[in-house]
Amino acid sequence: MLGKLSDEQIENLLRSQAWGRIGCHSDGVTYVVPVNYIYDGTNIYAHSDEGMKVTMMRKNPEVCFEVDVIHNTVNWQSVIAWGRFEELTDMHEKEEVMQKLIDRVMHLAHTETAHPSHGITERESDIGTFIELILYKINLRWKTGRFEKG
C-alpha cells in the first residue's frame, strides 16, 4: 500500500534520523550530497567543510532536503522538504549547534569519542584560524512525505 505521511509522521521522521541528503543547484549543475543533521522543528542544522556544496548554496540558497528509512522495497518512508540555506555567523550559535551535532553523533555511535570528521579541530583555538567551521541551517518552508507498507 502506498500513501502519504501525515504531518506528525513527517515531523517524527525528520527528528528521528541523523543522515539526510541536500540537493542544491547553481550554474546549471545539480548536486545531491549526504549530510548528518539535527532538526529543531523548523530548521535543519548541519556542518560542512569548504567545498562544492557550500559554494553552490551560497550562490543559490534555495535547496531541497531528503530523508528516508528503507526497510526493503515494499516497506519504506521518505520525506522531501524545500527550504532556504543560511550560513550561521554568530559564534555562540555556531558553538551551540556544533555541540548538538557532536552529541547526536556520539549518541548514535554509542561512544564518547565519536565526532563529525570535518569542521572539527583538536584544539579549540584553531577554529576560525586554521579550520573554517561552516555551520548552516536550512529553514524548511514546505514538506511532503510518502510511504509504502507491504
Protein backbone atom coordinates (compact mmCIF):
# COMPACT_ATOMS: atom_id res chain seq x y z
CA MET A 1 0.00 0.00 0.00
CA LEU A 2 1.33 3.42 -1.00
CA GLY A 3 0.33 6.51 0.92
CA LYS A 4 1.10 9.99 2.22
CA LEU A 5 2.68 10.57 5.60
CA SER A 6 0.73 12.76 8.00
CA ASP A 7 2.28 15.98 9.28
CA GLU A 8 3.05 14.20 12.56
CA GLN A 9 4.74 11.30 10.75
CA ILE A 10 6.81 13.75 8.68
CA GLU A 11 7.97 15.54 11.85
CA ASN A 12 8.78 12.22 13.56
CA LEU A 13 10.85 11.00 10.61
CA LEU A 14 12.81 14.25 10.40
CA ARG A 15 13.52 14.20 14.16
CA SER A 16 14.43 10.51 14.33
CA GLN A 17 17.08 10.38 11.63
CA ALA A 18 20.65 11.67 11.64
CA TRP A 19 21.50 11.43 7.92
CA GLY A 20 19.74 13.12 5.04
CA ARG A 21 20.57 14.46 1.61
CA ILE A 22 20.79 18.06 0.47
CA GLY A 23 20.05 18.88 -3.15
CA CYS A 24 21.41 22.17 -4.43
CA HIS A 25 21.62 23.77 -7.85
CA SER A 26 23.68 26.58 -9.35
CA ASP A 27 25.30 27.46 -12.65
CA GLY A 28 23.36 24.69 -14.43
CA VAL A 29 24.65 21.94 -12.12
CA THR A 30 22.59 19.95 -9.63
CA TYR A 31 24.40 18.34 -6.70
CA VAL A 32 22.99 15.94 -4.09
CA VAL A 33 25.11 15.04 -1.08
CA PRO A 34 24.53 13.23 2.23
CA VAL A 35 24.89 15.19 5.47
CA ASN A 36 24.48 14.46 9.15
CA TYR A 37 21.99 16.85 10.71
CA ILE A 38 19.76 17.82 13.58
CA TYR A 39 16.21 19.14 13.24
CA ASP A 40 14.52 21.57 15.63
CA GLY A 41 11.01 21.54 14.17
CA THR A 42 11.70 24.44 11.80
CA ASN A 43 15.30 24.20 10.64
CA ILE A 44 17.75 21.54 9.56
CA TYR A 45 21.21 22.26 11.01
CA ALA A 46 24.38 20.80 9.57
CA HIS A 47 28.10 21.45 9.24
CA SER A 48 30.49 21.36 6.34
CA ASP A 49 33.97 21.94 5.16
CA GLU A 50 34.52 24.50 2.41
CA GLY A 51 33.61 22.83 -0.89
CA MET A 52 31.19 22.41 -3.76
CA LYS A 53 28.02 22.13 -1.65
CA VAL A 54 28.68 25.32 0.31
CA THR A 55 29.77 27.22 -2.79
CA MET A 56 26.59 26.22 -4.61
CA MET A 57 24.30 27.02 -1.66
CA ARG A 58 25.90 30.45 -1.30
CA LYS A 59 25.14 31.16 -4.97
CA ASN A 60 21.61 29.74 -4.84
CA PRO A 61 20.26 29.32 -1.29
CA GLU A 62 17.06 27.54 -2.41
CA VAL A 63 17.65 23.86 -1.58
CA CYS A 64 15.88 20.56 -1.17
CA PHE A 65 16.36 18.14 1.73
CA GLU A 66 15.50 14.44 1.73
CA VAL A 67 15.49 11.83 4.47
CA ASP A 68 14.26 8.26 4.37
CA VAL A 69 14.03 4.97 6.21
CA ILE A 70 14.11 1.96 3.93
CA HIS A 71 13.50 -1.48 5.40
CA ASN A 72 13.03 -3.15 2.00
CA THR A 73 11.46 -2.43 -1.39
CA VAL A 74 7.91 -2.55 -0.02
CA ASN A 75 8.47 -1.04 3.44
CA TRP A 76 9.85 2.50 3.48
CA GLN A 77 9.16 6.12 4.41
CA SER A 78 10.55 9.24 2.77
CA VAL A 79 10.30 12.98 3.42
CA ILE A 80 11.25 15.71 0.98
CA ALA A 81 11.42 19.31 2.18
CA TRP A 82 12.22 22.58 0.49
CA GLY A 83 13.89 25.48 2.20
CA ARG A 84 16.50 28.19 2.21
CA PHE A 85 20.17 27.85 3.16
CA GLU A 86 21.54 30.33 5.69
CA GLU A 87 25.11 30.25 6.91
CA LEU A 88 25.48 30.77 10.66
CA THR A 89 27.80 33.62 11.60
CA ASP A 90 27.22 34.16 15.32
CA MET A 91 29.96 32.26 17.18
CA HIS A 92 27.70 31.46 20.14
CA GLU A 93 25.05 29.96 17.85
CA LYS A 94 27.73 28.03 15.91
CA GLU A 95 29.12 26.56 19.14
CA GLU A 96 25.64 25.50 20.33
CA VAL A 97 24.75 23.87 17.02
CA MET A 98 28.12 22.11 16.75
CA GLN A 99 27.75 20.73 20.27
CA LYS A 100 24.28 19.39 19.44
CA LEU A 101 25.64 17.73 16.29
CA ILE A 102 28.51 16.15 18.24
CA ASP A 103 26.12 14.99 20.98
CA ARG A 104 23.87 13.40 18.35
CA VAL A 105 26.76 11.58 16.65
CA MET A 106 28.10 10.37 19.99
CA HIS A 107 24.66 9.12 21.00
CA LEU A 108 24.15 7.26 17.73
CA ALA A 109 27.66 5.82 17.75
CA HIS A 110 27.27 4.71 21.40
CA THR A 111 30.69 6.13 22.19
CA GLU A 112 32.04 9.23 23.85
CA THR A 113 34.85 9.72 21.34
CA ALA A 114 32.92 9.88 18.04
CA HIS A 115 32.50 13.24 16.36
CA PRO A 116 31.94 14.63 12.86
CA SER A 117 35.20 14.36 10.95
CA HIS A 118 35.34 17.72 9.19
CA GLY A 119 34.90 21.19 10.53
CA ILE A 120 36.31 19.94 13.84
CA THR A 121 39.70 20.50 15.38
CA GLU A 122 41.55 19.03 18.32
CA ARG A 123 42.37 22.50 19.64
CA GLU A 124 39.54 24.97 20.16
CA SER A 125 41.92 27.82 19.33
CA ASP A 126 42.22 26.53 15.72
CA ILE A 127 38.57 27.28 14.93
CA GLY A 128 38.36 30.35 12.77
CA THR A 129 42.16 30.44 12.41
CA PHE A 130 43.27 27.20 10.78
CA ILE A 131 39.89 25.46 10.40
CA GLU A 132 36.93 27.16 8.76
CA LEU A 133 33.99 25.98 10.83
CA ILE A 134 31.00 26.22 8.50
CA LEU A 135 27.66 25.67 10.16
CA TYR A 136 24.40 26.38 8.46
CA LYS A 137 20.68 25.95 8.68
CA ILE A 138 18.02 25.24 6.14
CA ASN A 139 14.79 26.97 7.05
CA LEU A 140 12.17 24.50 5.86
CA ARG A 141 9.14 26.02 4.18
CA TRP A 142 7.36 23.04 2.67
CA LYS A 143 7.45 19.31 3.48
CA THR A 144 5.88 16.25 1.95
CA GLY A 145 6.14 12.59 2.85
CA ARG A 146 5.33 9.25 1.28
CA PHE A 147 5.43 5.65 2.42
CA GLU A 148 4.93 2.12 1.23
CA LYS A 149 3.89 -0.66 3.53
CA GLY A 150 3.76 -4.16 2.10
